[in-house]
Amino acid sequence: MEELVSYLSKRRIIMMGIVVLLAIIAVVVSYNIHLTPSNYFGGKYNTTLIFGLIVYKFIELPILYYLLIYRHLVVLRKNRHYEEVLPKLRKHAKLLLFLIPQGNTIFGIISYKLSGNILYFLFFSCIALITLYIIKPNKINLQNNI
């Protein structure tokens, strides 16, 4: 159990570093290459689409957390035989720790392309960092000791 917790903690820190690195690269690129906002539908719905992406991300992240980690933690709390649950939890936790930076980076790129403003990309990067900070693998070890 401690091996899984330490592995996921290291992976979480690596993913946080990747998000910070991508944000730094995005800032450097935005200063060197100026991007004009897209004119899809005359540019009339760009901000609406960006705010829709933000709302979607705030709805998606708790659902992903529930589907990929929380339900396994409930099984661990109720069942002392964690040998069946541990491989699924490891796989789903790795997937979640990958999906958070990946999804926020893609949404940040889309919003940057729609607005031409790097602040939206940095906003999605901050969402990824906060989410990765909130998800603590130490909860897995504490749930089993109850």
N, C-alpha and C. Protein backbone atom coordinates (compact mmCIF):
# COMPACT_ATOMS: atom_id res chain seq x y z
N MET A 1 0.82 -1.19 0.00
CA MET A 1 0.00 0.00 0.00
C MET A 1 0.86 1.26 0.00
N GLU A 2 1.92 1.26 0.82
CA GLU A 2 2.79 2.43 0.87
C GLU A 2 3.52 2.64 -0.45
N GLU A 3 3.79 1.53 -1.15
CA GLU A 3 4.44 1.64 -2.46
C GLU A 3 3.55 2.39 -3.45
N LEU A 4 2.25 2.08 -3.44
CA LEU A 4 1.30 2.75 -4.33
C LEU A 4 1.20 4.23 -3.98
N VAL A 5 1.15 4.54 -2.70
CA VAL A 5 1.03 5.94 -2.27
C VAL A 5 2.26 6.74 -2.68
N SER A 6 3.44 6.18 -2.50
CA SER A 6 4.66 6.90 -2.88
C SER A 6 4.76 7.05 -4.39
N TYR A 7 4.36 6.00 -5.14
CA TYR A 7 4.39 6.07 -6.61
C TYR A 7 3.45 7.17 -7.11
N LEU A 8 2.22 7.20 -6.56
CA LEU A 8 1.26 8.21 -7.01
C LEU A 8 1.67 9.61 -6.57
N SER A 9 2.31 9.74 -5.43
CA SER A 9 2.80 11.05 -4.99
C SER A 9 3.88 11.57 -5.93
N LYS A 10 4.80 10.70 -6.32
CA LYS A 10 5.84 11.10 -7.27
C LYS A 10 5.23 11.47 -8.62
N ARG A 11 4.28 10.68 -9.07
CA ARG A 11 3.62 10.95 -10.35
C ARG A 11 2.87 12.28 -10.30
N ARG A 12 2.23 12.57 -9.18
CA ARG A 12 1.50 13.83 -9.00
C ARG A 12 2.46 15.01 -9.09
N ILE A 13 3.60 14.90 -8.45
CA ILE A 13 4.59 15.99 -8.49
C ILE A 13 5.14 16.17 -9.90
N ILE A 14 5.37 15.06 -10.60
CA ILE A 14 5.85 15.14 -11.98
C ILE A 14 4.82 15.84 -12.86
N MET A 15 3.55 15.50 -12.68
CA MET A 15 2.49 16.13 -13.48
C MET A 15 2.37 17.62 -13.16
N MET A 16 2.56 17.99 -11.90
CA MET A 16 2.55 19.41 -11.56
C MET A 16 3.70 20.14 -12.25
N GLY A 17 4.87 19.50 -12.28
CA GLY A 17 6.01 20.08 -12.98
C GLY A 17 5.77 20.23 -14.47
N ILE A 18 5.10 19.25 -15.05
CA ILE A 18 4.78 19.33 -16.48
C ILE A 18 3.83 20.49 -16.76
N VAL A 19 2.83 20.68 -15.89
CA VAL A 19 1.89 21.78 -16.08
C VAL A 19 2.61 23.12 -15.98
N VAL A 20 3.50 23.27 -15.01
CA VAL A 20 4.26 24.51 -14.86
C VAL A 20 5.17 24.73 -16.07
N LEU A 21 5.82 23.66 -16.53
CA LEU A 21 6.69 23.78 -17.70
C LEU A 21 5.91 24.20 -18.94
N LEU A 22 4.73 23.61 -19.14
CA LEU A 22 3.89 23.99 -20.29
C LEU A 22 3.43 25.44 -20.18
N ALA A 23 3.14 25.90 -18.97
CA ALA A 23 2.74 27.30 -18.80
C ALA A 23 3.89 28.25 -19.12
N ILE A 24 5.09 27.89 -18.70
CA ILE A 24 6.26 28.73 -19.02
C ILE A 24 6.51 28.76 -20.53
N ILE A 25 6.42 27.60 -21.16
CA ILE A 25 6.60 27.54 -22.61
C ILE A 25 5.53 28.37 -23.31
N ALA A 26 4.30 28.30 -22.82
CA ALA A 26 3.21 29.06 -23.44
C ALA A 26 3.44 30.56 -23.32
N VAL A 27 3.95 31.00 -22.19
CA VAL A 27 4.22 32.44 -22.02
C VAL A 27 5.34 32.87 -22.95
N VAL A 28 6.38 32.08 -23.04
CA VAL A 28 7.50 32.42 -23.94
C VAL A 28 7.03 32.45 -25.39
N VAL A 29 6.25 31.48 -25.78
CA VAL A 29 5.75 31.44 -27.16
C VAL A 29 4.81 32.62 -27.43
N SER A 30 3.97 32.97 -26.46
CA SER A 30 3.03 34.07 -26.69
C SER A 30 3.74 35.41 -26.82
N TYR A 31 4.88 35.56 -26.17
CA TYR A 31 5.64 36.80 -26.33
C TYR A 31 6.37 36.87 -27.66
N ASN A 32 6.72 35.72 -28.22
CA ASN A 32 7.44 35.71 -29.49
C ASN A 32 6.53 35.60 -30.70
N ILE A 33 5.39 34.94 -30.56
CA ILE A 33 4.46 34.76 -31.67
C ILE A 33 3.12 35.36 -31.25
N HIS A 34 2.67 36.34 -31.99
CA HIS A 34 1.40 36.97 -31.67
C HIS A 34 0.30 36.29 -32.45
N LEU A 35 -0.70 35.83 -31.72
CA LEU A 35 -1.80 35.08 -32.30
C LEU A 35 -3.05 35.96 -32.33
N THR A 36 -3.67 36.02 -33.47
CA THR A 36 -4.92 36.78 -33.57
C THR A 36 -6.08 35.86 -33.24
N PRO A 37 -7.12 36.39 -32.60
CA PRO A 37 -8.27 35.55 -32.26
C PRO A 37 -8.94 34.98 -33.50
N SER A 38 -9.53 33.82 -33.35
CA SER A 38 -10.23 33.18 -34.46
C SER A 38 -11.51 33.94 -34.78
N ASN A 39 -11.92 33.83 -36.01
CA ASN A 39 -13.14 34.51 -36.45
C ASN A 39 -14.23 33.51 -36.83
N TYR A 40 -14.31 32.41 -36.10
CA TYR A 40 -15.40 31.48 -36.34
C TYR A 40 -16.71 32.18 -36.02
N PHE A 41 -17.66 32.08 -36.90
CA PHE A 41 -18.97 32.72 -36.75
C PHE A 41 -18.82 34.22 -36.52
N GLY A 42 -17.82 34.81 -37.14
CA GLY A 42 -17.60 36.24 -37.03
C GLY A 42 -16.98 36.65 -35.70
N GLY A 43 -16.52 35.71 -34.89
CA GLY A 43 -15.92 36.02 -33.60
C GLY A 43 -16.93 36.41 -32.54
N LYS A 44 -18.21 36.23 -32.87
CA LYS A 44 -19.28 36.66 -31.97
C LYS A 44 -19.42 35.77 -30.74
N TYR A 45 -19.12 34.49 -30.88
CA TYR A 45 -19.36 33.53 -29.80
C TYR A 45 -18.09 33.04 -29.12
N ASN A 46 -16.98 33.69 -29.38
CA ASN A 46 -15.71 33.23 -28.81
C ASN A 46 -15.70 33.24 -27.29
N THR A 47 -16.12 34.33 -26.68
CA THR A 47 -16.11 34.38 -25.21
C THR A 47 -17.15 33.43 -24.63
N THR A 48 -18.25 33.25 -25.30
CA THR A 48 -19.26 32.29 -24.83
C THR A 48 -18.70 30.88 -24.85
N LEU A 49 -17.98 30.54 -25.90
CA LEU A 49 -17.37 29.21 -25.99
C LEU A 49 -16.30 29.03 -24.91
N ILE A 50 -15.53 30.05 -24.65
CA ILE A 50 -14.49 29.96 -23.63
C ILE A 50 -15.11 29.75 -22.25
N PHE A 51 -16.14 30.51 -21.93
CA PHE A 51 -16.80 30.34 -20.62
C PHE A 51 -17.50 28.99 -20.55
N GLY A 52 -17.98 28.50 -21.68
CA GLY A 52 -18.55 27.15 -21.72
C GLY A 52 -17.49 26.10 -21.42
N LEU A 53 -16.29 26.28 -21.93
CA LEU A 53 -15.19 25.36 -21.62
C LEU A 53 -14.83 25.39 -20.14
N ILE A 54 -14.85 26.56 -19.55
CA ILE A 54 -14.53 26.68 -18.13
C ILE A 54 -15.59 25.97 -17.28
N VAL A 55 -16.85 26.20 -17.60
CA VAL A 55 -17.93 25.55 -16.85
C VAL A 55 -17.86 24.04 -17.03
N TYR A 56 -17.60 23.61 -18.26
CA TYR A 56 -17.48 22.17 -18.54
C TYR A 56 -16.35 21.55 -17.71
N LYS A 57 -15.25 22.24 -17.61
CA LYS A 57 -14.11 21.70 -16.85
C LYS A 57 -14.44 21.60 -15.37
N PHE A 58 -15.15 22.59 -14.83
CA PHE A 58 -15.53 22.52 -13.41
C PHE A 58 -16.55 21.42 -13.14
N ILE A 59 -17.31 21.04 -14.13
CA ILE A 59 -18.24 19.92 -13.97
C ILE A 59 -17.53 18.59 -14.19
N GLU A 60 -16.62 18.54 -15.14
CA GLU A 60 -15.95 17.30 -15.51
C GLU A 60 -14.99 16.79 -14.43
N LEU A 61 -14.23 17.66 -13.81
CA LEU A 61 -13.20 17.23 -12.86
C LEU A 61 -13.76 16.47 -11.66
N PRO A 62 -14.84 16.93 -11.00
CA PRO A 62 -15.38 16.12 -9.90
C PRO A 62 -15.94 14.77 -10.37
N ILE A 63 -16.52 14.75 -11.55
CA ILE A 63 -17.04 13.49 -12.08
C ILE A 63 -15.91 12.51 -12.34
N LEU A 64 -14.82 12.99 -12.94
CA LEU A 64 -13.66 12.12 -13.16
C LEU A 64 -13.08 11.61 -11.85
N TYR A 65 -12.99 12.49 -10.85
CA TYR A 65 -12.47 12.07 -9.56
C TYR A 65 -13.35 10.99 -8.95
N TYR A 66 -14.64 11.16 -9.03
CA TYR A 66 -15.54 10.17 -8.46
C TYR A 66 -15.41 8.83 -9.19
N LEU A 67 -15.44 8.88 -10.53
CA LEU A 67 -15.40 7.64 -11.30
C LEU A 67 -14.07 6.91 -11.20
N LEU A 68 -12.99 7.64 -11.11
CA LEU A 68 -11.68 7.00 -11.17
C LEU A 68 -11.04 6.72 -9.81
N ILE A 69 -11.36 7.49 -8.78
CA ILE A 69 -10.69 7.27 -7.50
C ILE A 69 -11.66 7.07 -6.34
N TYR A 70 -12.61 7.94 -6.16
CA TYR A 70 -13.42 7.94 -4.95
C TYR A 70 -14.16 6.62 -4.74
N ARG A 71 -14.72 6.06 -5.78
CA ARG A 71 -15.48 4.81 -5.60
C ARG A 71 -14.57 3.67 -5.17
N HIS A 72 -13.31 3.69 -5.56
CA HIS A 72 -12.36 2.67 -5.10
C HIS A 72 -11.99 2.90 -3.63
N LEU A 73 -11.92 4.17 -3.22
CA LEU A 73 -11.65 4.46 -1.82
C LEU A 73 -12.79 3.98 -0.92
N VAL A 74 -14.01 4.08 -1.40
CA VAL A 74 -15.16 3.59 -0.63
C VAL A 74 -15.06 2.08 -0.46
N VAL A 75 -14.69 1.37 -1.53
CA VAL A 75 -14.53 -0.08 -1.44
C VAL A 75 -13.40 -0.44 -0.47
N LEU A 76 -12.32 0.31 -0.50
CA LEU A 76 -11.21 0.06 0.43
C LEU A 76 -11.64 0.28 1.88
N ARG A 77 -12.46 1.28 2.11
CA ARG A 77 -12.92 1.58 3.46
C ARG A 77 -13.82 0.46 3.99
N LYS A 78 -14.64 -0.11 3.12
CA LYS A 78 -15.58 -1.14 3.55
C LYS A 78 -14.96 -2.53 3.60
N ASN A 79 -13.96 -2.77 2.75
CA ASN A 79 -13.42 -4.12 2.58
C ASN A 79 -11.94 -4.12 2.97
N ARG A 80 -11.56 -4.99 3.85
CA ARG A 80 -10.16 -5.09 4.26
C ARG A 80 -9.30 -5.84 3.24
N HIS A 81 -9.93 -6.59 2.34
CA HIS A 81 -9.19 -7.34 1.31
C HIS A 81 -9.00 -6.42 0.10
N TYR A 82 -7.92 -5.71 0.10
CA TYR A 82 -7.68 -4.72 -0.94
C TYR A 82 -6.88 -5.26 -2.10
N GLU A 83 -6.59 -6.54 -2.13
CA GLU A 83 -5.79 -7.10 -3.22
C GLU A 83 -6.51 -7.01 -4.57
N GLU A 84 -7.85 -7.10 -4.55
CA GLU A 84 -8.59 -7.01 -5.81
C GLU A 84 -8.75 -5.56 -6.27
N VAL A 85 -8.84 -4.66 -5.32
CA VAL A 85 -9.12 -3.26 -5.65
C VAL A 85 -7.85 -2.49 -6.01
N LEU A 86 -6.73 -2.87 -5.44
CA LEU A 86 -5.49 -2.12 -5.61
C LEU A 86 -5.02 -1.98 -7.06
N PRO A 87 -5.04 -3.04 -7.89
CA PRO A 87 -4.62 -2.83 -9.28
C PRO A 87 -5.53 -1.87 -10.06
N LYS A 88 -6.84 -1.95 -9.80
CA LYS A 88 -7.76 -1.01 -10.46
C LYS A 88 -7.51 0.42 -10.00
N LEU A 89 -7.31 0.57 -8.70
CA LEU A 89 -7.06 1.90 -8.16
C LEU A 89 -5.77 2.48 -8.73
N ARG A 90 -4.74 1.67 -8.83
CA ARG A 90 -3.47 2.14 -9.39
C ARG A 90 -3.65 2.60 -10.84
N LYS A 91 -4.34 1.79 -11.63
CA LYS A 91 -4.56 2.10 -13.04
C LYS A 91 -5.40 3.36 -13.20
N HIS A 92 -6.48 3.46 -12.42
CA HIS A 92 -7.37 4.61 -12.55
C HIS A 92 -6.74 5.88 -11.99
N ALA A 93 -5.95 5.77 -10.94
CA ALA A 93 -5.28 6.95 -10.40
C ALA A 93 -4.23 7.47 -11.39
N LYS A 94 -3.50 6.56 -12.03
CA LYS A 94 -2.55 6.98 -13.07
C LYS A 94 -3.28 7.68 -14.20
N LEU A 95 -4.43 7.14 -14.58
CA LEU A 95 -5.22 7.74 -15.66
C LEU A 95 -5.70 9.13 -15.28
N LEU A 96 -6.18 9.28 -14.05
CA LEU A 96 -6.65 10.60 -13.61
C LEU A 96 -5.51 11.60 -13.57
N LEU A 97 -4.36 11.18 -13.06
CA LEU A 97 -3.22 12.09 -12.99
C LEU A 97 -2.69 12.45 -14.37
N PHE A 98 -3.02 11.66 -15.38
CA PHE A 98 -2.67 12.01 -16.76
C PHE A 98 -3.74 12.90 -17.38
N LEU A 99 -5.00 12.59 -17.13
CA LEU A 99 -6.09 13.30 -17.78
C LEU A 99 -6.23 14.75 -17.32
N ILE A 100 -5.90 15.02 -16.08
CA ILE A 100 -6.05 16.40 -15.58
C ILE A 100 -5.15 17.37 -16.34
N PRO A 101 -3.84 17.15 -16.43
CA PRO A 101 -3.01 18.09 -17.20
C PRO A 101 -3.32 18.07 -18.69
N GLN A 102 -3.59 16.89 -19.23
CA GLN A 102 -3.86 16.77 -20.66
C GLN A 102 -5.12 17.53 -21.05
N GLY A 103 -6.20 17.33 -20.32
CA GLY A 103 -7.46 18.00 -20.65
C GLY A 103 -7.39 19.50 -20.47
N ASN A 104 -6.77 19.94 -19.39
CA ASN A 104 -6.65 21.38 -19.16
C ASN A 104 -5.73 22.04 -20.17
N THR A 105 -4.70 21.35 -20.60
CA THR A 105 -3.81 21.91 -21.63
C THR A 105 -4.54 22.06 -22.95
N ILE A 106 -5.29 21.05 -23.33
CA ILE A 106 -6.05 21.13 -24.59
C ILE A 106 -7.08 22.25 -24.52
N PHE A 107 -7.82 22.33 -23.42
CA PHE A 107 -8.81 23.40 -23.29
C PHE A 107 -8.13 24.77 -23.25
N GLY A 108 -6.95 24.85 -22.65
CA GLY A 108 -6.21 26.10 -22.63
C GLY A 108 -5.78 26.52 -24.03
N ILE A 109 -5.33 25.56 -24.83
CA ILE A 109 -4.93 25.86 -26.21
C ILE A 109 -6.13 26.32 -27.02
N ILE A 110 -7.27 25.65 -26.85
CA ILE A 110 -8.48 26.04 -27.57
C ILE A 110 -8.90 27.46 -27.18
N SER A 111 -8.90 27.75 -25.88
CA SER A 111 -9.31 29.09 -25.45
C SER A 111 -8.30 30.15 -25.87
N TYR A 112 -7.02 29.79 -25.90
CA TYR A 112 -6.00 30.73 -26.39
C TYR A 112 -6.21 31.02 -27.86
N LYS A 113 -6.55 30.00 -28.62
CA LYS A 113 -6.80 30.19 -30.06
C LYS A 113 -8.06 31.02 -30.29
N LEU A 114 -9.07 30.81 -29.46
CA LEU A 114 -10.31 31.57 -29.63
C LEU A 114 -10.18 33.03 -29.22
N SER A 115 -9.38 33.29 -28.17
CA SER A 115 -9.31 34.65 -27.64
C SER A 115 -8.06 35.41 -28.06
N GLY A 116 -6.97 34.69 -28.30
CA GLY A 116 -5.70 35.35 -28.57
C GLY A 116 -5.04 35.87 -27.30
N ASN A 117 -5.57 35.49 -26.15
CA ASN A 117 -5.07 35.95 -24.86
C ASN A 117 -4.49 34.76 -24.08
N ILE A 118 -3.24 34.87 -23.68
CA ILE A 118 -2.56 33.79 -22.99
C ILE A 118 -3.10 33.57 -21.57
N LEU A 119 -3.81 34.53 -21.03
CA LEU A 119 -4.34 34.40 -19.67
C LEU A 119 -5.33 33.24 -19.55
N TYR A 120 -6.04 32.94 -20.60
CA TYR A 120 -6.97 31.80 -20.54
C TYR A 120 -6.20 30.48 -20.45
N PHE A 121 -5.10 30.39 -21.18
CA PHE A 121 -4.28 29.19 -21.07
C PHE A 121 -3.71 29.07 -19.66
N LEU A 122 -3.26 30.17 -19.11
CA LEU A 122 -2.72 30.15 -17.75
C LEU A 122 -3.81 29.85 -16.73
N PHE A 123 -5.04 30.27 -16.99
CA PHE A 123 -6.15 29.95 -16.10
C PHE A 123 -6.41 28.45 -16.07
N PHE A 124 -6.41 27.82 -17.24
CA PHE A 124 -6.60 26.38 -17.28
C PHE A 124 -5.41 25.65 -16.65
N SER A 125 -4.23 26.20 -16.77
CA SER A 125 -3.06 25.61 -16.10
C SER A 125 -3.20 25.72 -14.58
N CYS A 126 -3.73 26.83 -14.12
CA CYS A 126 -3.97 26.98 -12.67
C CYS A 126 -5.03 26.00 -12.19
N ILE A 127 -6.05 25.78 -12.98
CA ILE A 127 -7.07 24.79 -12.61
C ILE A 127 -6.42 23.41 -12.48
N ALA A 128 -5.54 23.08 -13.41
CA ALA A 128 -4.86 21.77 -13.35
C ALA A 128 -3.97 21.68 -12.11
N LEU A 129 -3.24 22.74 -11.81
CA LEU A 129 -2.37 22.72 -10.62
C LEU A 129 -3.17 22.60 -9.32
N ILE A 130 -4.24 23.34 -9.24
CA ILE A 130 -5.07 23.27 -8.03
C ILE A 130 -5.70 21.89 -7.88
N THR A 131 -6.17 21.33 -8.96
CA THR A 131 -6.77 20.00 -8.91
C THR A 131 -5.74 18.96 -8.52
N LEU A 132 -4.54 19.03 -9.09
CA LEU A 132 -3.49 18.08 -8.73
C LEU A 132 -3.06 18.26 -7.27
N TYR A 133 -3.12 19.49 -6.78
CA TYR A 133 -2.76 19.73 -5.38
C TYR A 133 -3.82 19.16 -4.44
N ILE A 134 -5.08 19.29 -4.83
CA ILE A 134 -6.18 18.82 -3.98
C ILE A 134 -6.19 17.30 -3.88
N ILE A 135 -5.89 16.62 -4.98
CA ILE A 135 -5.90 15.15 -4.98
C ILE A 135 -4.62 14.68 -4.32
N LYS A 136 -4.77 14.11 -3.15
CA LYS A 136 -3.61 13.64 -2.38
C LYS A 136 -3.65 12.13 -2.28
N PRO A 137 -2.63 11.45 -2.78
CA PRO A 137 -2.59 9.99 -2.69
C PRO A 137 -2.50 9.46 -1.26
N ASN A 138 -2.14 10.29 -0.29
CA ASN A 138 -2.06 9.84 1.10
C ASN A 138 -3.41 9.40 1.64
N LYS A 139 -4.50 9.85 1.01
CA LYS A 139 -5.83 9.44 1.43
C LYS A 139 -6.03 7.94 1.27
N ILE A 140 -5.35 7.36 0.30
CA ILE A 140 -5.49 5.92 0.07
C ILE A 140 -4.99 5.15 1.28
N ASN A 141 -3.85 5.54 1.80
CA ASN A 141 -3.27 4.86 2.95
C ASN A 141 -4.11 5.08 4.21
N LEU A 142 -4.63 6.27 4.39
CA LEU A 142 -5.43 6.56 5.57
C LEU A 142 -6.77 5.84 5.53
N GLN A 143 -7.34 5.68 4.36
CA GLN A 143 -8.64 5.01 4.27
C GLN A 143 -8.52 3.54 4.65
N ASN A 144 -7.41 2.93 4.35
CA ASN A 144 -7.24 1.51 4.65
C ASN A 144 -7.02 1.25 6.14
N ASN A 145 -6.49 2.23 6.86
CA ASN A 145 -6.19 2.04 8.28
C ASN A 145 -7.39 2.29 9.18
N ILE A 146 -8.49 2.72 8.64
CA ILE A 146 -9.68 3.00 9.46
C ILE A 146 -10.29 1.71 9.96
